[in-house]
């Protein structure tokens, strides 16, 4: 597995609460949920022919 890089993400308390709820529903950690959502967004962007196809 590729090495992962840590970084700080600032979100509002309301957004964090919703992410925690969503992650729990999907049986993921909040970090795992955010990673999943970003991965899906990148896949969607590539399928749509968006910039960043490198």
N, C-alpha and C. Protein backbone atom coordinates (compact mmCIF):
# COMPACT_ATOMS: atom_id res chain seq x y z
N UNK A 1 0.84 -1.18 0.00
CA UNK A 1 0.00 0.00 0.00
C UNK A 1 0.88 1.24 0.00
N UNK A 2 0.50 2.24 -0.75
CA UNK A 2 1.27 3.47 -0.83
C UNK A 2 1.26 4.21 0.50
N UNK A 3 2.35 4.89 0.76
CA UNK A 3 2.45 5.68 1.98
C UNK A 3 1.44 6.82 1.95
N UNK A 4 0.83 7.08 3.09
CA UNK A 4 -0.17 8.15 3.17
C UNK A 4 0.44 9.36 3.85
N UNK A 5 0.04 10.53 3.41
CA UNK A 5 0.54 11.77 3.98
C UNK A 5 -0.55 12.39 4.84
N UNK A 6 -0.21 12.76 6.05
CA UNK A 6 -1.16 13.38 6.96
C UNK A 6 -1.21 14.89 6.72
N UNK A 7 -2.40 15.47 6.92
CA UNK A 7 -2.54 16.92 6.84
C UNK A 7 -3.72 17.34 7.69
N UNK A 8 -3.74 18.62 8.03
CA UNK A 8 -4.79 19.15 8.88
C UNK A 8 -5.98 19.56 8.01
N UNK A 9 -7.16 19.21 8.45
CA UNK A 9 -8.39 19.60 7.76
C UNK A 9 -9.29 20.31 8.75
N UNK A 10 -9.64 21.54 8.46
CA UNK A 10 -10.51 22.29 9.34
C UNK A 10 -11.92 22.30 8.79
N UNK A 11 -12.86 21.84 9.59
CA UNK A 11 -14.27 21.84 9.22
C UNK A 11 -15.08 22.40 10.38
N UNK A 12 -16.25 22.87 10.08
CA UNK A 12 -17.12 23.40 11.12
C UNK A 12 -17.60 22.27 12.02
N UNK A 13 -17.96 22.59 13.26
CA UNK A 13 -18.49 21.56 14.15
C UNK A 13 -19.72 20.87 13.58
N UNK A 14 -20.56 21.62 12.86
CA UNK A 14 -21.76 21.04 12.26
C UNK A 14 -21.40 20.03 11.18
N UNK A 15 -20.41 20.38 10.35
CA UNK A 15 -19.99 19.46 9.29
C UNK A 15 -19.36 18.21 9.89
N UNK A 16 -18.56 18.37 10.91
CA UNK A 16 -17.93 17.22 11.56
C UNK A 16 -18.99 16.30 12.15
N UNK A 17 -20.01 16.86 12.75
CA UNK A 17 -21.09 16.05 13.32
C UNK A 17 -21.77 15.23 12.24
N UNK A 18 -22.05 15.85 11.10
CA UNK A 18 -22.69 15.14 9.98
C UNK A 18 -21.76 14.06 9.42
N UNK A 19 -20.47 14.36 9.30
CA UNK A 19 -19.52 13.37 8.81
C UNK A 19 -19.41 12.19 9.76
N UNK A 20 -19.42 12.46 11.06
CA UNK A 20 -19.37 11.38 12.04
C UNK A 20 -20.59 10.48 11.91
N UNK A 21 -21.76 11.07 11.76
CA UNK A 21 -22.99 10.31 11.61
C UNK A 21 -22.96 9.46 10.34
N UNK A 22 -22.56 10.07 9.23
CA UNK A 22 -22.49 9.38 7.95
C UNK A 22 -21.47 8.23 8.01
N UNK A 23 -20.31 8.50 8.59
CA UNK A 23 -19.28 7.47 8.71
C UNK A 23 -19.80 6.29 9.52
N UNK A 24 -20.48 6.58 10.60
CA UNK A 24 -21.02 5.51 11.44
C UNK A 24 -22.03 4.66 10.67
N UNK A 25 -22.87 5.31 9.88
CA UNK A 25 -23.86 4.59 9.07
C UNK A 25 -23.19 3.66 8.06
N UNK A 26 -22.03 4.09 7.55
CA UNK A 26 -21.30 3.30 6.55
C UNK A 26 -20.23 2.41 7.17
N UNK A 27 -20.20 2.32 8.52
CA UNK A 27 -19.23 1.50 9.25
C UNK A 27 -17.79 1.87 8.91
N UNK A 28 -17.54 3.19 8.87
CA UNK A 28 -16.19 3.70 8.61
C UNK A 28 -15.80 4.67 9.71
N UNK A 29 -14.51 4.93 9.81
CA UNK A 29 -14.04 6.01 10.66
C UNK A 29 -14.30 7.32 9.91
N UNK A 30 -14.24 8.43 10.60
CA UNK A 30 -14.42 9.72 9.92
C UNK A 30 -13.32 9.90 8.88
N UNK A 31 -12.09 9.55 9.24
CA UNK A 31 -10.99 9.65 8.29
C UNK A 31 -11.25 8.77 7.06
N UNK A 32 -11.69 7.55 7.30
CA UNK A 32 -12.00 6.64 6.20
C UNK A 32 -13.13 7.16 5.32
N UNK A 33 -14.12 7.78 5.94
CA UNK A 33 -15.24 8.34 5.19
C UNK A 33 -14.78 9.48 4.29
N UNK A 34 -13.96 10.36 4.84
CA UNK A 34 -13.45 11.50 4.06
C UNK A 34 -12.60 10.99 2.90
N UNK A 35 -11.75 9.99 3.18
CA UNK A 35 -10.91 9.42 2.13
C UNK A 35 -11.77 8.78 1.04
N UNK A 36 -12.81 8.07 1.44
CA UNK A 36 -13.73 7.45 0.47
C UNK A 36 -14.42 8.51 -0.39
N UNK A 37 -14.92 9.56 0.25
CA UNK A 37 -15.61 10.62 -0.49
C UNK A 37 -14.69 11.32 -1.48
N UNK A 38 -13.47 11.59 -1.07
CA UNK A 38 -12.51 12.22 -1.97
C UNK A 38 -12.17 11.30 -3.14
N UNK A 39 -11.99 10.01 -2.86
CA UNK A 39 -11.68 9.04 -3.90
C UNK A 39 -12.80 8.97 -4.93
N UNK A 40 -14.05 8.91 -4.45
CA UNK A 40 -15.20 8.86 -5.35
C UNK A 40 -15.31 10.14 -6.19
N UNK A 41 -15.05 11.28 -5.58
CA UNK A 41 -15.11 12.55 -6.31
C UNK A 41 -14.05 12.59 -7.41
N UNK A 42 -12.86 12.08 -7.11
CA UNK A 42 -11.80 12.06 -8.12
C UNK A 42 -12.14 11.10 -9.27
N UNK A 43 -12.71 9.95 -8.96
CA UNK A 43 -13.14 9.02 -10.01
C UNK A 43 -14.20 9.65 -10.90
N UNK A 44 -15.15 10.32 -10.28
CA UNK A 44 -16.22 10.98 -11.03
C UNK A 44 -15.66 12.07 -11.94
N UNK A 45 -14.72 12.82 -11.43
CA UNK A 45 -14.09 13.89 -12.21
C UNK A 45 -13.37 13.32 -13.44
N UNK A 46 -12.67 12.22 -13.24
CA UNK A 46 -11.95 11.60 -14.35
C UNK A 46 -12.90 11.06 -15.41
N UNK A 47 -14.03 10.43 -14.94
CA UNK A 47 -15.01 9.90 -15.90
C UNK A 47 -15.66 11.03 -16.69
N UNK A 48 -15.81 12.19 -16.08
CA UNK A 48 -16.46 13.33 -16.73
C UNK A 48 -15.49 14.04 -17.65
N UNK A 49 -14.23 13.61 -17.67
CA UNK A 49 -13.25 14.24 -18.55
C UNK A 49 -12.76 15.57 -18.02
N UNK A 50 -12.78 15.72 -16.71
CA UNK A 50 -12.32 16.96 -16.09
C UNK A 50 -10.81 17.11 -16.15
N UNK A 51 -10.37 18.29 -15.78
CA UNK A 51 -8.93 18.55 -15.74
C UNK A 51 -8.30 17.64 -14.70
N UNK A 52 -6.99 17.45 -14.82
CA UNK A 52 -6.29 16.66 -13.85
C UNK A 52 -6.04 15.23 -14.28
N UNK A 53 -6.31 14.91 -15.53
CA UNK A 53 -6.03 13.57 -16.04
C UNK A 53 -4.54 13.49 -16.37
N UNK A 54 -3.76 13.05 -15.40
CA UNK A 54 -2.31 12.98 -15.61
C UNK A 54 -1.78 11.64 -15.25
